[in-house]
Every structure is written in C-alpha cells, then in structure tokens.
Amino acid sequence: MIVLYLMIPISLALGIGFVGAFVWSVRNGQMDDTETPAHRILED
C-alpha cells in the first residue's frame, strides 16, 4: 500500500511532463508540416 503513495505521484508527474512537452512542441511549430518529410524521399 505504501508503494501506491509513491507510484501515483510519480505517474502523475510523468503524465503532466509528457503533456507539457507535447504542448511545447506544438507551440514551437514542430508539428506544422507532416507531409513534406514523407515526400522528400521520393524526390531524390
């Protein structure tokens, strides 16, 4: 039972960290163009 008191906050912190990283990447334009890299290999 004591393990749950440790694991729940750790899992919540990791989840919030992943959501924060995703929001940061969207705001910085990391996910703007998803088509060009897939077509770039065909142009060579």
C-alpha atoms as a PDB file:
ATOM      1  CA  MET A   1       0.000   0.000   0.000  1.00  0.00           C
ATOM      2  CA  ILE A   2       2.898   2.359   0.718  1.00  0.00           C
ATOM      3  CA  VAL A   3       4.151   1.794  -2.832  1.00  0.00           C
ATOM      4  CA  LEU A   4       0.960   3.375  -4.170  1.00  0.00           C
ATOM      5  CA  TYR A   5       1.729   6.581  -2.275  1.00  0.00           C
ATOM      6  CA  LEU A   6       4.986   6.725  -4.192  1.00  0.00           C
ATOM      7  CA  MET A   7       3.884   5.482  -7.615  1.00  0.00           C
ATOM      8  CA  ILE A   8       0.756   7.620  -8.065  1.00  0.00           C
ATOM      9  CA  PRO A   9       2.559  10.989  -7.735  1.00  0.00           C
ATOM     10  CA  ILE A  10       5.393   9.758  -9.960  1.00  0.00           C
ATOM     11  CA  SER A  11       2.981   8.626 -12.668  1.00  0.00           C
ATOM     12  CA  LEU A  12       1.049  11.892 -12.474  1.00  0.00           C
ATOM     13  CA  ALA A  13       4.273  13.880 -12.750  1.00  0.00           C
ATOM     14  CA  LEU A  14       5.349  11.859 -15.791  1.00  0.00           C
ATOM     15  CA  GLY A  15       1.946  12.315 -17.425  1.00  0.00           C
ATOM     16  CA  ILE A  16       1.985  16.060 -16.840  1.00  0.00           C
ATOM     17  CA  GLY A  17       5.540  16.189 -18.170  1.00  0.00           C
ATOM     18  CA  PHE A  18       4.588  14.396 -21.392  1.00  0.00           C
ATOM     19  CA  VAL A  19       1.565  16.636 -21.913  1.00  0.00           C
ATOM     20  CA  GLY A  20       3.735  19.690 -21.272  1.00  0.00           C
ATOM     21  CA  ALA A  21       6.334  18.506 -23.789  1.00  0.00           C
ATOM     22  CA  PHE A  22       3.614  17.895 -26.377  1.00  0.00           C
ATOM     23  CA  VAL A  23       2.091  21.351 -25.879  1.00  0.00           C
ATOM     24  CA  TRP A  24       5.560  22.922 -26.072  1.00  0.00           C
ATOM     25  CA  SER A  25       6.323  21.128 -29.344  1.00  0.00           C
ATOM     26  CA  VAL A  26       3.017  22.171 -30.905  1.00  0.00           C
ATOM     27  CA  ARG A  27       3.538  25.813 -29.925  1.00  0.00           C
ATOM     28  CA  ASN A  28       7.069  25.832 -31.332  1.00  0.00           C
ATOM     29  CA  GLY A  29       5.983  24.524 -34.736  1.00  0.00           C
ATOM     30  CA  GLN A  30       7.402  21.020 -34.511  1.00  0.00           C
ATOM     31  CA  MET A  31       4.219  19.509 -35.941  1.00  0.00           C
ATOM     32  CA  ASP A  32       3.306  22.030 -38.625  1.00  0.00           C
ATOM     33  CA  ASP A  33       4.327  20.139 -41.754  1.00  0.00           C
ATOM     34  CA  THR A  34       3.829  16.401 -41.628  1.00  0.00           C
ATOM     35  CA  GLU A  35       3.608  15.727 -45.379  1.00  0.00           C
ATOM     36  CA  THR A  36       6.886  17.103 -46.751  1.00  0.00           C
ATOM     37  CA  PRO A  37       9.271  14.680 -44.995  1.00  0.00           C
ATOM     38  CA  ALA A  38       7.317  11.737 -46.385  1.00  0.00           C
ATOM     39  CA  HIS A  39       7.501  13.102 -49.955  1.00  0.00           C
ATOM     40  CA  ARG A  40      11.127  14.231 -49.718  1.00  0.00           C
ATOM     41  CA  ILE A  41      12.422  10.676 -50.093  1.00  0.00           C
ATOM     42  CA  LEU A  42      10.512  10.272 -53.365  1.00  0.00           C
ATOM     43  CA  GLU A  43      12.049  13.395 -54.907  1.00  0.00           C
ATOM     44  CA  ASP A  44      15.628  12.077 -54.768  1.00  0.00           C
END
